[in-house]
C-alpha cells in the first residue's frame, strides 16, 4: 500500500487513475519526496546525481509496458522544479502517464514546475498522458508550469494527451518537438478555465525530416473571467505535413487569444491551420432543454461532450 494520506490518494486518482501501486515501472512523488519507486526488467528508473529529478531508460524492443510518474502536493507554500529525462529505445512501444495534482487549503501559493525531455528512438512508439488538477479551499494559488521537449528519431511516433479541466489557477505550458524523417506526432489538448484563472499554451513543432508529420489540436473552454492564450507554431523544413487546430468555447466574461503560426522553408512542406472561437449555439441549448434539462445543465452537458 502507498504511504499517502487520503488527500494525496484522491489527487493520485484524479491525475493518474491509480488507487495503489501500479503495474510496471513507476515513481510516485508527494510533497517534494519520493513515496514509491519500482523498475521492471525493461524499464529502469534512477535518480539524477544532483537530486533534481529522475532518468527513465526503456530498453529497445520493449512492448506493452507502462511507466507512471505522477506528482501530488498537499502542503500550502510548496514550490519545486523537477527534471525528468526519458530515453526510449529503438522499436519500443510504451505508455507513459505523468501529471500533477495540487490541493491547497492554505494562504500561500503552491507550485510545481516539471521539465520533461523525451528522446524517442528509431521506430519507437510512445503514448504520453499528462493530466493537471487542482483542489482546496485556501486563498493560495495552485500553479503548474510544465515544459516538454521531444526529440524524435526516424520512423518514431508519439501521441500526447494533455488535459487540464479543473482547479488550476495559473499555468504556462511549453511544448517543443523536433521530428526526423517519417516521424509522426499527434497532440490532443483539453483545457477548461474558470473564475480568474490564467492558462497559456505554447506549441512549437519543427519538421526536419522527409515525410515527417504533426497534428496538433487544442480544445478549450473559458468560463467566468478566465483567460486563455494559445500559440501554435509549425515549422516545415522538408517535404512534410503539418496541421494545427484551435477550437474554443467562450462563456460569461471569458477571453481567448489564439495565435497560429506556420513557417514553410521547403516547397513541398504542406502546412494547415484551423481556428474557431465562439459561444455555445442557442439551438443546442434549446434542444437539450426540451428534454427536461435546465439551461445550466444543458451547458454542462455540451461542455463535457466538447472536452471528451
C-alpha atoms as a PDB file:
ATOM      1  CA  UNK A   1       0.000   0.000   0.000  1.00  0.00           C
ATOM      2  CA  UNK A   2       1.085   3.579  -0.642  1.00  0.00           C
ATOM      3  CA  UNK A   3       2.227   5.684   2.306  1.00  0.00           C
ATOM      4  CA  UNK A   4      -0.014   8.618   1.432  1.00  0.00           C
ATOM      5  CA  UNK A   5      -2.846  10.403   3.203  1.00  0.00           C
ATOM      6  CA  UNK A   6      -6.394  10.466   1.860  1.00  0.00           C
ATOM      7  CA  UNK A   7      -5.982  13.841   0.102  1.00  0.00           C
ATOM      8  CA  UNK A   8      -2.856  12.644  -1.689  1.00  0.00           C
ATOM      9  CA  UNK A   9      -4.555   9.392  -2.716  1.00  0.00           C
ATOM     10  CA  UNK A  10      -7.513  11.355  -4.117  1.00  0.00           C
ATOM     11  CA  UNK A  11      -5.146  13.544  -6.130  1.00  0.00           C
ATOM     12  CA  UNK A  12      -3.340  10.456  -7.413  1.00  0.00           C
ATOM     13  CA  UNK A  13      -6.640   9.012  -8.601  1.00  0.00           C
ATOM     14  CA  UNK A  14      -7.524  12.256 -10.397  1.00  0.00           C
ATOM     15  CA  UNK A  15      -4.258  12.666 -12.319  1.00  0.00           C
ATOM     16  CA  UNK A  16      -3.217   9.062 -12.923  1.00  0.00           C
ATOM     17  CA  UNK A  17      -6.294   6.855 -12.295  1.00  0.00           C
ATOM     18  CA  UNK A  18      -4.345   4.994  -9.619  1.00  0.00           C
ATOM     19  CA  UNK A  19      -5.728   3.502  -6.420  1.00  0.00           C
ATOM     20  CA  UNK A  20      -2.492   1.821  -5.409  1.00  0.00           C
ATOM     21  CA  UNK A  21       0.939   0.835  -6.691  1.00  0.00           C
ATOM     22  CA  UNK A  22       0.655   0.451 -10.493  1.00  0.00           C
ATOM     23  CA  UNK A  23       1.806  -2.444 -12.606  1.00  0.00           C
ATOM     24  CA  UNK A  24       5.129  -1.897 -14.339  1.00  0.00           C
ATOM     25  CA  UNK A  25       7.686   0.801 -13.660  1.00  0.00           C
ATOM     26  CA  UNK A  26       6.693   3.800 -11.530  1.00  0.00           C
ATOM     27  CA  UNK A  27       7.874   6.755  -9.488  1.00  0.00           C
ATOM     28  CA  UNK A  28       5.363   8.400  -7.152  1.00  0.00           C
ATOM     29  CA  UNK A  29       6.158  11.806  -5.670  1.00  0.00           C
ATOM     30  CA  UNK A  30       4.296  13.584  -2.856  1.00  0.00           C
ATOM     31  CA  UNK A  31       5.148  16.944  -1.277  1.00  0.00           C
ATOM     32  CA  UNK A  32       8.630  17.024  -2.765  1.00  0.00           C
ATOM     33  CA  UNK A  33       9.648  13.479  -1.830  1.00  0.00           C
ATOM     34  CA  UNK A  34       9.558  10.080  -3.474  1.00  0.00           C
ATOM     35  CA  UNK A  35       6.975   7.819  -1.801  1.00  0.00           C
ATOM     36  CA  UNK A  36       7.439   4.820  -4.044  1.00  0.00           C
ATOM     37  CA  UNK A  37       9.526   3.600  -6.973  1.00  0.00           C
ATOM     38  CA  UNK A  38       9.845   0.452  -8.972  1.00  0.00           C
ATOM     39  CA  UNK A  39      11.666  -0.587 -12.121  1.00  0.00           C
ATOM     40  CA  UNK A  40      10.947  -3.525 -14.404  1.00  0.00           C
ATOM     41  CA  UNK A  41      13.183  -5.833 -16.394  1.00  0.00           C
ATOM     42  CA  UNK A  42      12.959  -3.490 -19.391  1.00  0.00           C
ATOM     43  CA  UNK A  43      12.430  -0.084 -17.770  1.00  0.00           C
ATOM     44  CA  UNK A  44      14.897   1.401 -15.287  1.00  0.00           C
ATOM     45  CA  UNK A  45      14.192   4.494 -13.181  1.00  0.00           C
ATOM     46  CA  UNK A  46      17.104   6.154 -11.394  1.00  0.00           C
ATOM     47  CA  UNK A  47      17.598   9.422  -9.524  1.00  0.00           C
ATOM     48  CA  UNK A  48      19.731  12.121 -11.092  1.00  0.00           C
ATOM     49  CA  UNK A  49      23.041  12.606  -9.336  1.00  0.00           C
ATOM     50  CA  UNK A  50      22.152  16.145  -8.283  1.00  0.00           C
ATOM     51  CA  UNK A  51      18.766  15.032  -6.962  1.00  0.00           C
ATOM     52  CA  UNK A  52      16.794  17.296  -9.300  1.00  0.00           C
ATOM     53  CA  UNK A  53      14.709  14.530 -10.877  1.00  0.00           C
ATOM     54  CA  UNK A  54      14.850  11.096 -12.472  1.00  0.00           C
ATOM     55  CA  UNK A  55      16.068   9.313 -15.600  1.00  0.00           C
ATOM     56  CA  UNK A  56      13.814   6.728 -17.223  1.00  0.00           C
ATOM     57  CA  UNK A  57      15.548   4.320 -19.597  1.00  0.00           C
ATOM     58  CA  UNK A  58      13.431   1.997 -21.730  1.00  0.00           C
ATOM     59  CA  UNK A  59      15.248  -0.839 -23.486  1.00  0.00           C
ATOM     60  CA  UNK A  60      14.995  -1.267 -27.269  1.00  0.00           C
ATOM     61  CA  UNK A  61      12.135  -3.536 -28.320  1.00  0.00           C
ATOM     62  CA  UNK A  62      10.161  -3.136 -25.080  1.00  0.00           C
ATOM     63  CA  UNK A  63       6.471  -3.813 -25.814  1.00  0.00           C
ATOM     64  CA  UNK A  64       3.184  -3.343 -23.949  1.00  0.00           C
ATOM     65  CA  UNK A  65       4.693  -1.824 -20.812  1.00  0.00           C
ATOM     66  CA  UNK A  66       3.875   1.356 -18.916  1.00  0.00           C
ATOM     67  CA  UNK A  67       5.567   3.989 -16.775  1.00  0.00           C
ATOM     68  CA  UNK A  68       3.705   6.057 -14.142  1.00  0.00           C
ATOM     69  CA  UNK A  69       5.386   9.175 -12.717  1.00  0.00           C
ATOM     70  CA  UNK A  70       2.633  11.317 -11.120  1.00  0.00           C
ATOM     71  CA  UNK A  71       3.216  14.124  -8.611  1.00  0.00           C
ATOM     72  CA  UNK A  72       0.852  15.244  -5.828  1.00  0.00           C
ATOM     73  CA  UNK A  73       1.144  18.211  -3.481  1.00  0.00           C
ATOM     74  CA  UNK A  74      -0.987  18.901  -0.398  1.00  0.00           C
ATOM     75  CA  UNK A  75       1.169  21.366   1.529  1.00  0.00           C
ATOM     76  CA  UNK A  76       0.489  25.076   1.065  1.00  0.00           C
ATOM     77  CA  UNK A  77       3.520  27.156   0.124  1.00  0.00           C
ATOM     78  CA  UNK A  78       5.495  24.410  -1.617  1.00  0.00           C
ATOM     79  CA  UNK A  79       7.430  25.200  -4.789  1.00  0.00           C
ATOM     80  CA  UNK A  80       9.557  22.750  -6.723  1.00  0.00           C
ATOM     81  CA  UNK A  81      11.144  22.247 -10.126  1.00  0.00           C
ATOM     82  CA  UNK A  82      11.769  18.672 -11.272  1.00  0.00           C
ATOM     83  CA  UNK A  83      13.711  17.483 -14.340  1.00  0.00           C
ATOM     84  CA  UNK A  84      12.800  14.088 -15.806  1.00  0.00           C
ATOM     85  CA  UNK A  85      14.503  12.589 -18.881  1.00  0.00           C
ATOM     86  CA  UNK A  86      13.065   9.693 -20.895  1.00  0.00           C
ATOM     87  CA  UNK A  87      15.261   7.562 -23.153  1.00  0.00           C
ATOM     88  CA  UNK A  88      13.023   5.338 -25.296  1.00  0.00           C
ATOM     89  CA  UNK A  89      14.928   2.616 -27.118  1.00  0.00           C
ATOM     90  CA  UNK A  90      14.597   1.703 -30.772  1.00  0.00           C
ATOM     91  CA  UNK A  91      11.398  -0.172 -31.612  1.00  0.00           C
ATOM     92  CA  UNK A  92       9.862   0.157 -28.143  1.00  0.00           C
ATOM     93  CA  UNK A  93       6.083   0.576 -27.673  1.00  0.00           C
ATOM     94  CA  UNK A  94       5.154   2.055 -24.275  1.00  0.00           C
ATOM     95  CA  UNK A  95       2.637   4.171 -22.376  1.00  0.00           C
ATOM     96  CA  UNK A  96       3.864   6.950 -20.060  1.00  0.00           C
ATOM     97  CA  UNK A  97       1.472   8.504 -17.535  1.00  0.00           C
ATOM     98  CA  UNK A  98       2.509  11.711 -15.775  1.00  0.00           C
ATOM     99  CA  UNK A  99       0.515  14.604 -14.338  1.00  0.00           C
ATOM    100  CA  UNK A 100       0.294  16.679 -11.184  1.00  0.00           C
ATOM    101  CA  UNK A 101      -2.428  17.315  -8.628  1.00  0.00           C
ATOM    102  CA  UNK A 102      -2.290  20.171  -6.108  1.00  0.00           C
ATOM    103  CA  UNK A 103      -4.603  20.554  -3.115  1.00  0.00           C
ATOM    104  CA  UNK A 104      -4.092  23.948  -1.466  1.00  0.00           C
ATOM    105  CA  UNK A 105      -6.116  24.792   1.609  1.00  0.00           C
ATOM    106  CA  UNK A 106      -3.693  27.455   2.860  1.00  0.00           C
ATOM    107  CA  UNK A 107      -2.854  31.083   2.151  1.00  0.00           C
ATOM    108  CA  UNK A 108       0.458  30.589   0.329  1.00  0.00           C
ATOM    109  CA  UNK A 109       0.858  29.670  -3.335  1.00  0.00           C
ATOM    110  CA  UNK A 110       1.829  26.101  -4.240  1.00  0.00           C
ATOM    111  CA  UNK A 111       3.730  25.497  -7.474  1.00  0.00           C
ATOM    112  CA  UNK A 112       5.101  22.535  -9.403  1.00  0.00           C
ATOM    113  CA  UNK A 113       7.257  23.050 -12.488  1.00  0.00           C
ATOM    114  CA  UNK A 114       8.043  19.828 -14.315  1.00  0.00           C
ATOM    115  CA  UNK A 115      10.562  19.693 -17.175  1.00  0.00           C
ATOM    116  CA  UNK A 116      10.263  16.502 -19.234  1.00  0.00           C
ATOM    117  CA  UNK A 117      12.642  15.641 -22.063  1.00  0.00           C
ATOM    118  CA  UNK A 118      11.910  12.737 -24.408  1.00  0.00           C
ATOM    119  CA  UNK A 119      14.475  11.073 -26.658  1.00  0.00           C
ATOM    120  CA  UNK A 120      12.459   8.726 -28.840  1.00  0.00           C
ATOM    121  CA  UNK A 121      14.494   6.125 -30.713  1.00  0.00           C
ATOM    122  CA  UNK A 122      14.021   4.963 -34.291  1.00  0.00           C
ATOM    123  CA  UNK A 123      10.660   3.283 -34.960  1.00  0.00           C
ATOM    124  CA  UNK A 124       9.679   3.587 -31.301  1.00  0.00           C
ATOM    125  CA  UNK A 125       6.065   4.321 -30.339  1.00  0.00           C
ATOM    126  CA  UNK A 126       5.040   6.337 -27.266  1.00  0.00           C
ATOM    127  CA  UNK A 127       1.702   7.347 -25.787  1.00  0.00           C
ATOM    128  CA  UNK A 128       2.118  10.122 -23.214  1.00  0.00           C
ATOM    129  CA  UNK A 129      -0.704  11.215 -20.893  1.00  0.00           C
ATOM    130  CA  UNK A 130      -0.335  14.330 -18.731  1.00  0.00           C
ATOM    131  CA  UNK A 131      -3.209  15.472 -16.520  1.00  0.00           C
ATOM    132  CA  UNK A 132      -3.318  18.537 -14.270  1.00  0.00           C
ATOM    133  CA  UNK A 133      -5.805  19.028 -11.442  1.00  0.00           C
ATOM    134  CA  UNK A 134      -6.302  21.454  -8.578  1.00  0.00           C
ATOM    135  CA  UNK A 135      -8.474  21.470  -5.456  1.00  0.00           C
ATOM    136  CA  UNK A 136      -8.644  23.005  -1.989  1.00  0.00           C
ATOM    137  CA  UNK A 137     -10.488  25.981  -0.497  1.00  0.00           C
ATOM    138  CA  UNK A 138      -7.494  28.084   0.535  1.00  0.00           C
ATOM    139  CA  UNK A 139      -6.560  31.514  -0.827  1.00  0.00           C
ATOM    140  CA  UNK A 140      -3.172  30.300  -2.016  1.00  0.00           C
ATOM    141  CA  UNK A 141      -2.903  29.645  -5.739  1.00  0.00           C
ATOM    142  CA  UNK A 142      -2.328  26.305  -7.468  1.00  0.00           C
ATOM    143  CA  UNK A 143       0.342  26.891 -10.141  1.00  0.00           C
ATOM    144  CA  UNK A 144       1.635  24.427 -12.743  1.00  0.00           C
ATOM    145  CA  UNK A 145       4.247  25.246 -15.403  1.00  0.00           C
ATOM    146  CA  UNK A 146       5.151  22.148 -17.429  1.00  0.00           C
ATOM    147  CA  UNK A 147       7.878  22.105 -20.083  1.00  0.00           C
ATOM    148  CA  UNK A 148       8.003  19.232 -22.573  1.00  0.00           C
ATOM    149  CA  UNK A 149      10.849  18.789 -25.051  1.00  0.00           C
ATOM    150  CA  UNK A 150      10.708  15.970 -27.604  1.00  0.00           C
ATOM    151  CA  UNK A 151      13.383  14.685 -29.981  1.00  0.00           C
ATOM    152  CA  UNK A 152      12.032  12.065 -32.392  1.00  0.00           C
ATOM    153  CA  UNK A 153      14.276   9.851 -34.493  1.00  0.00           C
ATOM    154  CA  UNK A 154      13.373   8.457 -37.910  1.00  0.00           C
ATOM    155  CA  UNK A 155      10.178   6.418 -38.091  1.00  0.00           C
ATOM    156  CA  UNK A 156       9.152   7.069 -34.495  1.00  0.00           C
ATOM    157  CA  UNK A 157       5.676   8.123 -33.372  1.00  0.00           C
ATOM    158  CA  UNK A 158       4.277   9.830 -30.311  1.00  0.00           C
ATOM    159  CA  UNK A 159       0.752  10.603 -29.162  1.00  0.00           C
ATOM    160  CA  UNK A 160       0.380  13.214 -26.419  1.00  0.00           C
ATOM    161  CA  UNK A 161      -2.790  13.741 -24.366  1.00  0.00           C
ATOM    162  CA  UNK A 162      -2.606  16.979 -22.354  1.00  0.00           C
ATOM    163  CA  UNK A 163      -5.549  17.563 -20.013  1.00  0.00           C
ATOM    164  CA  UNK A 164      -6.405  20.320 -17.527  1.00  0.00           C
ATOM    165  CA  UNK A 165     -10.068  20.697 -16.661  1.00  0.00           C
ATOM    166  CA  UNK A 166     -10.330  21.815 -13.043  1.00  0.00           C
ATOM    167  CA  UNK A 167      -8.840  23.881 -10.277  1.00  0.00           C
ATOM    168  CA  UNK A 168      -5.509  25.185 -11.648  1.00  0.00           C
ATOM    169  CA  UNK A 169      -5.212  28.946 -11.075  1.00  0.00           C
ATOM    170  CA  UNK A 170      -2.238  29.618 -13.333  1.00  0.00           C
ATOM    171  CA  UNK A 171      -0.439  27.519 -15.900  1.00  0.00           C
ATOM    172  CA  UNK A 172       2.155  28.130 -18.572  1.00  0.00           C
ATOM    173  CA  UNK A 173       2.712  25.074 -20.769  1.00  0.00           C
ATOM    174  CA  UNK A 174       5.627  24.971 -23.218  1.00  0.00           C
ATOM    175  CA  UNK A 175       5.955  22.068 -25.645  1.00  0.00           C
ATOM    176  CA  UNK A 176       8.690  21.799 -28.273  1.00  0.00           C
ATOM    177  CA  UNK A 177       9.297  18.917 -30.654  1.00  0.00           C
ATOM    178  CA  UNK A 178      11.790  18.127 -33.397  1.00  0.00           C
ATOM    179  CA  UNK A 179      10.942  15.366 -35.883  1.00  0.00           C
ATOM    180  CA  UNK A 180      13.229  13.487 -38.272  1.00  0.00           C
ATOM    181  CA  UNK A 181      12.241  11.542 -41.394  1.00  0.00           C
ATOM    182  CA  UNK A 182       8.931   9.620 -41.243  1.00  0.00           C
ATOM    183  CA  UNK A 183       8.373  10.590 -37.603  1.00  0.00           C
ATOM    184  CA  UNK A 184       4.798  11.356 -36.519  1.00  0.00           C
ATOM    185  CA  UNK A 185       3.469  13.478 -33.648  1.00  0.00           C
ATOM    186  CA  UNK A 186      -0.166  13.754 -32.527  1.00  0.00           C
ATOM    187  CA  UNK A 187      -1.153  16.175 -29.747  1.00  0.00           C
ATOM    188  CA  UNK A 188      -4.610  16.455 -28.176  1.00  0.00           C
ATOM    189  CA  UNK A 189      -5.004  19.227 -25.595  1.00  0.00           C
ATOM    190  CA  UNK A 190      -8.151  19.689 -23.499  1.00  0.00           C
ATOM    191  CA  UNK A 191      -8.366  22.737 -21.272  1.00  0.00           C
ATOM    192  CA  UNK A 192     -11.005  24.402 -19.117  1.00  0.00           C
ATOM    193  CA  UNK A 193     -10.575  27.559 -17.045  1.00  0.00           C
ATOM    194  CA  UNK A 194     -12.981  29.311 -14.696  1.00  0.00           C
ATOM    195  CA  UNK A 195     -13.001  32.095 -12.128  1.00  0.00           C
ATOM    196  CA  UNK A 196     -10.000  34.340 -12.803  1.00  0.00           C
ATOM    197  CA  UNK A 197      -7.711  31.515 -13.919  1.00  0.00           C
ATOM    198  CA  UNK A 198      -4.969  32.041 -16.488  1.00  0.00           C
ATOM    199  CA  UNK A 199      -3.701  29.450 -18.975  1.00  0.00           C
ATOM    200  CA  UNK A 200      -1.013  29.848 -21.621  1.00  0.00           C
ATOM    201  CA  UNK A 201      -0.110  27.016 -24.003  1.00  0.00           C
ATOM    202  CA  UNK A 202       2.775  27.230 -26.465  1.00  0.00           C
ATOM    203  CA  UNK A 203       3.499  24.524 -29.020  1.00  0.00           C
ATOM    204  CA  UNK A 204       6.425  24.661 -31.425  1.00  0.00           C
ATOM    205  CA  UNK A 205       6.934  21.699 -33.738  1.00  0.00           C
ATOM    206  CA  UNK A 206       9.816  21.551 -36.209  1.00  0.00           C
ATOM    207  CA  UNK A 207       9.541  19.063 -39.059  1.00  0.00           C
ATOM    208  CA  UNK A 208      13.094  18.467 -40.234  1.00  0.00           C
ATOM    209  CA  UNK A 209      12.799  15.109 -41.984  1.00  0.00           C
ATOM    210  CA  UNK A 210      11.218  13.923 -45.212  1.00  0.00           C
ATOM    211  CA  UNK A 211       7.618  12.812 -44.670  1.00  0.00           C
ATOM    212  CA  UNK A 212       7.561  13.919 -41.039  1.00  0.00           C
ATOM    213  CA  UNK A 213       4.070  14.847 -39.827  1.00  0.00           C
ATOM    214  CA  UNK A 214       2.386  16.634 -36.939  1.00  0.00           C
ATOM    215  CA  UNK A 215      -1.272  17.045 -35.946  1.00  0.00           C
ATOM    216  CA  UNK A 216      -1.780  19.421 -33.002  1.00  0.00           C
ATOM    217  CA  UNK A 217      -5.364  20.024 -31.832  1.00  0.00           C
ATOM    218  CA  UNK A 218      -6.399  22.115 -28.816  1.00  0.00           C
ATOM    219  CA  UNK A 219      -9.909  22.339 -27.387  1.00  0.00           C
ATOM    220  CA  UNK A 220     -10.590  24.920 -24.702  1.00  0.00           C
ATOM    221  CA  UNK A 221     -13.451  26.343 -22.646  1.00  0.00           C
ATOM    222  CA  UNK A 222     -13.050  29.711 -20.878  1.00  0.00           C
ATOM    223  CA  UNK A 223     -15.690  30.447 -18.223  1.00  0.00           C
ATOM    224  CA  UNK A 224     -16.329  33.380 -15.854  1.00  0.00           C
ATOM    225  CA  UNK A 225     -13.451  35.896 -16.115  1.00  0.00           C
ATOM    226  CA  UNK A 226     -10.736  33.430 -17.043  1.00  0.00           C
ATOM    227  CA  UNK A 227      -8.183  33.959 -19.817  1.00  0.00           C
ATOM    228  CA  UNK A 228      -6.564  31.560 -22.259  1.00  0.00           C
ATOM    229  CA  UNK A 229      -3.794  32.155 -24.756  1.00  0.00           C
ATOM    230  CA  UNK A 230      -2.680  29.574 -27.287  1.00  0.00           C
ATOM    231  CA  UNK A 231       0.388  29.781 -29.537  1.00  0.00           C
ATOM    232  CA  UNK A 232       0.601  27.057 -32.173  1.00  0.00           C
ATOM    233  CA  UNK A 233       3.661  27.063 -34.433  1.00  0.00           C
ATOM    234  CA  UNK A 234       4.785  24.527 -37.008  1.00  0.00           C
ATOM    235  CA  UNK A 235       7.990  24.862 -38.991  1.00  0.00           C
ATOM    236  CA  UNK A 236       8.377  22.747 -42.118  1.00  0.00           C
ATOM    237  CA  UNK A 237      11.987  22.329 -43.249  1.00  0.00           C
ATOM    238  CA  UNK A 238      11.391  19.376 -45.595  1.00  0.00           C
ATOM    239  CA  UNK A 239       8.664  17.676 -47.628  1.00  0.00           C
ATOM    240  CA  UNK A 240       6.320  17.221 -44.670  1.00  0.00           C
ATOM    241  CA  UNK A 241       2.740  17.520 -43.413  1.00  0.00           C
ATOM    242  CA  UNK A 242       1.653  19.770 -40.538  1.00  0.00           C
ATOM    243  CA  UNK A 243      -1.802  20.576 -39.155  1.00  0.00           C
ATOM    244  CA  UNK A 244      -2.862  22.661 -36.173  1.00  0.00           C
ATOM    245  CA  UNK A 245      -6.361  23.353 -34.906  1.00  0.00           C
ATOM    246  CA  UNK A 246      -7.752  25.564 -32.150  1.00  0.00           C
ATOM    247  CA  UNK A 247     -11.419  25.018 -31.269  1.00  0.00           C
ATOM    248  CA  UNK A 248     -12.688  27.018 -28.282  1.00  0.00           C
ATOM    249  CA  UNK A 249     -15.883  27.875 -26.441  1.00  0.00           C
ATOM    250  CA  UNK A 250     -16.099  31.244 -24.698  1.00  0.00           C
ATOM    251  CA  UNK A 251     -18.612  31.814 -21.876  1.00  0.00           C
ATOM    252  CA  UNK A 252     -19.572  34.595 -19.457  1.00  0.00           C
ATOM    253  CA  UNK A 253     -16.744  37.181 -19.436  1.00  0.00           C
ATOM    254  CA  UNK A 254     -14.016  34.777 -20.514  1.00  0.00           C
ATOM    255  CA  UNK A 255     -11.299  35.753 -23.003  1.00  0.00           C
ATOM    256  CA  UNK A 256      -9.369  33.640 -25.515  1.00  0.00           C
ATOM    257  CA  UNK A 257      -6.471  34.550 -27.784  1.00  0.00           C
ATOM    258  CA  UNK A 258      -5.336  32.090 -30.467  1.00  0.00           C
ATOM    259  CA  UNK A 259      -2.090  32.827 -32.311  1.00  0.00           C
ATOM    260  CA  UNK A 260      -1.394  30.436 -35.204  1.00  0.00           C
ATOM    261  CA  UNK A 261       1.977  30.425 -36.947  1.00  0.00           C
ATOM    262  CA  UNK A 262       3.100  28.398 -39.953  1.00  0.00           C
ATOM    263  CA  UNK A 263       6.594  28.585 -41.436  1.00  0.00           C
ATOM    264  CA  UNK A 264       7.416  26.725 -44.653  1.00  0.00           C
ATOM    265  CA  UNK A 265      11.085  26.503 -45.632  1.00  0.00           C
ATOM    266  CA  UNK A 266      10.615  23.850 -48.295  1.00  0.00           C
ATOM    267  CA  UNK A 267       8.476  23.978 -51.433  1.00  0.00           C
ATOM    268  CA  UNK A 268       6.938  20.599 -50.526  1.00  0.00           C
ATOM    269  CA  UNK A 269       6.021  21.499 -46.949  1.00  0.00           C
ATOM    270  CA  UNK A 270       2.215  21.257 -46.586  1.00  0.00           C
ATOM    271  CA  UNK A 271       1.051  23.187 -43.511  1.00  0.00           C
ATOM    272  CA  UNK A 272      -2.552  23.950 -42.468  1.00  0.00           C
ATOM    273  CA  UNK A 273      -4.110  25.793 -39.548  1.00  0.00           C
ATOM    274  CA  UNK A 274      -7.759  25.961 -38.444  1.00  0.00           C
ATOM    275  CA  UNK A 275      -9.242  28.072 -35.657  1.00  0.00           C
ATOM    276  CA  UNK A 276     -12.714  28.699 -34.262  1.00  0.00           C
ATOM    277  CA  UNK A 277     -13.809  30.599 -31.142  1.00  0.00           C
ATOM    278  CA  UNK A 278     -17.452  31.103 -30.247  1.00  0.00           C
ATOM    279  CA  UNK A 279     -20.216  30.710 -27.718  1.00  0.00           C
ATOM    280  CA  UNK A 280     -22.479  27.701 -27.305  1.00  0.00           C
ATOM    281  CA  UNK A 281     -25.062  27.653 -30.075  1.00  0.00           C
ATOM    282  CA  UNK A 282     -28.581  28.539 -28.972  1.00  0.00           C
ATOM    283  CA  UNK A 283     -30.187  25.665 -30.868  1.00  0.00           C
ATOM    284  CA  UNK A 284     -28.006  23.203 -28.953  1.00  0.00           C
ATOM    285  CA  UNK A 285     -29.254  24.595 -25.639  1.00  0.00           C
ATOM    286  CA  UNK A 286     -32.885  24.603 -26.772  1.00  0.00           C
ATOM    287  CA  UNK A 287     -32.697  21.001 -27.953  1.00  0.00           C
ATOM    288  CA  UNK A 288     -31.374  19.771 -24.592  1.00  0.00           C
ATOM    289  CA  UNK A 289     -33.783  21.957 -22.601  1.00  0.00           C
ATOM    290  CA  UNK A 290     -36.730  20.408 -24.458  1.00  0.00           C
ATOM    291  CA  UNK A 291     -35.558  17.106 -22.997  1.00  0.00           C
ATOM    292  CA  UNK A 292     -36.031  18.480 -19.483  1.00  0.00           C
ATOM    293  CA  UNK A 293     -32.625  19.944 -18.652  1.00  0.00           C
ATOM    294  CA  UNK A 294     -32.188  23.401 -17.170  1.00  0.00           C
ATOM    295  CA  UNK A 295     -30.070  25.883 -19.135  1.00  0.00           C
ATOM    296  CA  UNK A 296     -27.144  25.335 -16.754  1.00  0.00           C
ATOM    297  CA  UNK A 297     -27.431  21.546 -17.017  1.00  0.00           C
ATOM    298  CA  UNK A 298     -27.604  21.820 -20.808  1.00  0.00           C
ATOM    299  CA  UNK A 299     -24.438  23.956 -20.858  1.00  0.00           C
ATOM    300  CA  UNK A 300     -22.615  21.423 -18.689  1.00  0.00           C
ATOM    301  CA  UNK A 301     -23.619  18.581 -20.986  1.00  0.00           C
ATOM    302  CA  UNK A 302     -22.375  20.455 -24.054  1.00  0.00           C
ATOM    303  CA  UNK A 303     -19.064  21.432 -22.416  1.00  0.00           C
ATOM    304  CA  UNK A 304     -18.442  17.889 -21.137  1.00  0.00           C
ATOM    305  CA  UNK A 305     -19.073  16.465 -24.577  1.00  0.00           C
ATOM    306  CA  UNK A 306     -16.850  19.092 -26.196  1.00  0.00           C
ATOM    307  CA  UNK A 307     -13.904  18.273 -23.921  1.00  0.00           C
ATOM    308  CA  UNK A 308     -14.087  14.490 -24.256  1.00  0.00           C
END
